[in-house]
């Protein structure tokens, strides 16, 4: 593995925190599709599909850029790292802290959406549509119900276990609205 491509996360983030990274497989797949669409644009240039393929490739490229993020949840807030840029949010900054049911794609049962704006909740449209407009409109964390464990490096990839995130957010006194997360009080 090249040393240039290893992302080093400072030790201060590991203390009482949850770290969620994007999986490399999804990034590589999206980059491959983007290159394929650009190639298709040039192949279909004379058939009038050039603009359609090029626009699709640009949208997919934006999704790839957005998916290359690291979310670090801590007692004092949420840190979003995209490339070399880092943005720190306090829990009080979010007007919307909402749990939304997912349709069960790729083992995900729910999403936790955080937004500084009251009316951007990610219920009607998936969060990725809001992020295409501006990457800071909504922050979405995929939650799974399949006993998901942290990897060897202590991070979760793409999705985090529902019980773990529910316990930590409760410990940090972060109140969520919407659908229930974790064990229901009457099932404990």
Protein backbone atom coordinates (compact mmCIF):
# COMPACT_ATOMS: atom_id res chain seq x y z
CA UNK A 1 0.00 0.00 0.00
CA UNK A 2 1.36 3.45 -0.88
CA UNK A 3 2.16 5.68 2.07
CA UNK A 4 0.79 8.68 0.11
CA UNK A 5 -2.72 7.21 0.09
CA UNK A 6 -2.99 6.42 3.80
CA UNK A 7 -5.15 8.88 5.71
CA UNK A 8 -3.77 9.44 9.18
CA UNK A 9 -6.36 10.44 11.74
CA UNK A 10 -4.96 12.17 14.83
CA UNK A 11 -5.23 10.19 18.07
CA UNK A 12 -7.41 12.89 19.68
CA UNK A 13 -10.33 11.71 17.50
CA UNK A 14 -10.21 8.13 18.78
CA UNK A 15 -10.93 9.04 22.37
CA UNK A 16 -14.65 8.46 22.98
CA UNK A 17 -15.68 8.91 19.38
CA UNK A 18 -17.25 7.10 16.46
CA UNK A 19 -15.50 7.36 13.09
CA UNK A 20 -17.33 6.55 9.86
CA UNK A 21 -15.46 6.42 6.54
CA UNK A 22 -16.59 5.83 2.98
CA UNK A 23 -15.76 2.43 1.56
CA UNK A 24 -13.12 2.26 -1.14
CA UNK A 25 -15.20 -0.15 -3.23
CA UNK A 26 -18.02 2.35 -3.70
CA UNK A 27 -15.55 5.13 -4.59
CA UNK A 28 -13.78 2.96 -7.17
CA UNK A 29 -17.07 1.82 -8.67
CA UNK A 30 -18.34 5.38 -8.99
CA UNK A 31 -15.06 6.56 -10.55
CA UNK A 32 -15.22 3.67 -13.04
CA UNK A 33 -18.81 4.60 -13.99
CA UNK A 34 -17.81 8.25 -14.36
CA UNK A 35 -14.95 7.34 -16.74
CA UNK A 36 -17.29 5.03 -18.65
CA UNK A 37 -19.86 7.82 -19.07
CA UNK A 38 -17.19 10.24 -20.33
CA UNK A 39 -16.04 7.60 -22.82
CA UNK A 40 -19.66 7.03 -23.90
CA UNK A 41 -20.06 10.79 -24.39
CA UNK A 42 -17.25 10.83 -26.94
CA UNK A 43 -18.40 7.60 -28.62
CA UNK A 44 -21.99 8.86 -28.98
CA UNK A 45 -20.94 12.39 -29.94
CA UNK A 46 -22.62 12.29 -33.34
CA UNK A 47 -25.85 10.77 -32.07
CA UNK A 48 -26.73 13.73 -29.85
CA UNK A 49 -26.07 11.95 -26.56
CA UNK A 50 -22.83 13.81 -25.87
CA UNK A 51 -24.43 16.40 -23.57
CA UNK A 52 -26.52 13.81 -21.72
CA UNK A 53 -23.55 11.53 -21.01
CA UNK A 54 -21.33 14.46 -20.06
CA UNK A 55 -23.90 15.86 -17.61
CA UNK A 56 -24.41 12.39 -16.09
CA UNK A 57 -20.64 12.03 -15.72
CA UNK A 58 -20.35 15.42 -13.99
CA UNK A 59 -23.16 14.56 -11.56
CA UNK A 60 -21.54 11.21 -10.79
CA UNK A 61 -18.19 12.94 -10.29
CA UNK A 62 -19.84 15.27 -7.75
CA UNK A 63 -21.25 12.22 -5.91
CA UNK A 64 -17.76 10.67 -5.84
CA UNK A 65 -16.34 13.87 -4.35
CA UNK A 66 -19.08 13.94 -1.71
CA UNK A 67 -18.69 10.28 -0.81
CA UNK A 68 -15.01 10.77 -0.01
CA UNK A 69 -15.69 11.91 3.54
CA UNK A 70 -14.91 10.96 7.09
CA UNK A 71 -17.48 11.63 9.82
CA UNK A 72 -16.23 11.82 13.39
CA UNK A 73 -18.90 11.87 16.09
CA UNK A 74 -17.78 13.07 19.51
CA UNK A 75 -19.39 14.26 22.72
CA UNK A 76 -18.92 17.92 21.74
CA UNK A 77 -20.10 17.61 18.12
CA UNK A 78 -19.58 16.26 14.64
CA UNK A 79 -16.50 16.71 12.46
CA UNK A 80 -16.75 16.32 8.69
CA UNK A 81 -13.50 15.77 6.79
CA UNK A 82 -13.56 15.91 2.99
CA UNK A 83 -10.09 15.66 1.55
CA UNK A 84 -7.98 18.29 3.30
CA UNK A 85 -10.98 20.35 4.42
CA UNK A 86 -12.33 19.86 7.91
CA UNK A 87 -15.51 21.35 9.32
CA UNK A 88 -16.52 21.05 12.97
CA UNK A 89 -20.14 21.35 14.08
CA UNK A 90 -21.42 21.55 17.64
CA UNK A 91 -24.53 19.48 18.35
CA UNK A 92 -26.44 22.67 19.20
CA UNK A 93 -25.84 24.09 15.69
CA UNK A 94 -28.16 21.58 14.07
CA UNK A 95 -31.84 22.57 13.80
CA UNK A 96 -32.67 19.17 12.34
CA UNK A 97 -31.54 15.94 14.02
CA UNK A 98 -33.77 13.39 12.41
CA UNK A 99 -33.90 9.60 12.10
CA UNK A 100 -35.38 8.50 8.76
CA UNK A 101 -36.30 4.94 7.75
CA UNK A 102 -34.34 3.62 4.78
CA UNK A 103 -35.63 1.26 2.16
CA UNK A 104 -33.16 -1.41 3.29
CA UNK A 105 -30.56 -0.97 0.57
CA UNK A 106 -27.17 -2.56 1.29
CA UNK A 107 -28.04 -3.53 4.88
CA UNK A 108 -29.10 -0.06 5.94
CA UNK A 109 -32.18 0.28 8.06
CA UNK A 110 -32.17 3.99 8.85
CA UNK A 111 -30.35 7.25 8.25
CA UNK A 112 -29.57 9.95 10.78
CA UNK A 113 -29.77 13.34 9.10
CA UNK A 114 -28.25 16.48 10.59
CA UNK A 115 -28.94 19.90 9.08
CA UNK A 116 -28.40 23.47 10.21
CA UNK A 117 -31.63 24.35 8.40
CA UNK A 118 -35.06 23.61 9.82
CA UNK A 119 -36.76 22.67 6.54
CA UNK A 120 -34.01 20.51 5.03
CA UNK A 121 -34.67 17.14 6.61
CA UNK A 122 -33.96 14.51 3.97
CA UNK A 123 -37.36 12.84 4.27
CA UNK A 124 -38.81 13.47 0.81
CA UNK A 125 -35.54 13.31 -1.09
CA UNK A 126 -32.44 11.33 -0.20
CA UNK A 127 -29.68 13.40 1.38
CA UNK A 128 -27.46 13.02 -1.68
CA UNK A 129 -29.77 15.29 -3.70
CA UNK A 130 -29.33 18.09 -1.17
CA UNK A 131 -25.58 17.45 -1.11
CA UNK A 132 -25.39 17.84 -4.90
CA UNK A 133 -26.53 21.45 -4.41
CA UNK A 134 -24.24 22.17 -1.46
CA UNK A 135 -22.25 19.62 0.50
CA UNK A 136 -23.01 21.32 3.82
CA UNK A 137 -26.82 21.42 3.55
CA UNK A 138 -27.29 18.03 5.17
CA UNK A 139 -25.05 15.41 6.78
CA UNK A 140 -26.37 11.88 6.60
CA UNK A 141 -25.15 8.82 8.52
CA UNK A 142 -26.22 5.38 7.31
CA UNK A 143 -27.33 3.09 10.12
CA UNK A 144 -27.61 -0.68 9.83
CA UNK A 145 -29.28 -3.24 12.03
CA UNK A 146 -26.98 -6.17 11.25
CA UNK A 147 -24.49 -6.27 14.15
CA UNK A 148 -21.93 -4.14 12.30
CA UNK A 149 -18.49 -4.11 13.96
CA UNK A 150 -15.69 -1.57 13.69
CA UNK A 151 -12.78 -2.62 11.47
CA UNK A 152 -9.22 -3.21 12.69
CA UNK A 153 -8.45 0.51 12.52
CA UNK A 154 -11.39 1.28 14.85
CA UNK A 155 -13.52 2.87 12.12
CA UNK A 156 -16.85 1.93 10.60
CA UNK A 157 -17.12 1.87 6.81
CA UNK A 158 -20.23 3.18 4.99
CA UNK A 159 -22.61 2.17 7.77
CA UNK A 160 -22.68 2.04 11.57
CA UNK A 161 -24.52 -0.33 13.89
CA UNK A 162 -27.82 1.05 15.19
CA UNK A 163 -27.27 -0.03 18.80
CA UNK A 164 -23.78 1.49 19.01
CA UNK A 165 -24.72 4.89 17.62
CA UNK A 166 -27.93 5.03 19.69
CA UNK A 167 -25.98 4.31 22.89
CA UNK A 168 -23.32 6.95 22.15
CA UNK A 169 -25.79 9.67 21.16
CA UNK A 170 -27.79 8.96 24.32
CA UNK A 171 -24.57 9.16 26.37
CA UNK A 172 -23.73 12.52 24.75
CA UNK A 173 -27.30 13.84 25.34
CA UNK A 174 -28.02 14.29 21.63
CA UNK A 175 -31.77 14.11 21.14
CA UNK A 176 -33.08 12.90 17.79
CA UNK A 177 -36.57 13.28 16.37
CA UNK A 178 -38.37 11.08 13.87
CA UNK A 179 -38.27 7.30 13.90
CA UNK A 180 -36.81 5.47 16.90
CA UNK A 181 -33.17 4.50 16.96
CA UNK A 182 -31.85 1.53 18.89
CA UNK A 183 -33.93 -0.45 21.37
CA UNK A 184 -37.33 0.93 22.16
CA UNK A 185 -37.75 1.80 25.87
CA UNK A 186 -40.39 -0.92 26.40
CA UNK A 187 -38.10 -3.59 24.88
CA UNK A 188 -35.19 -2.95 27.27
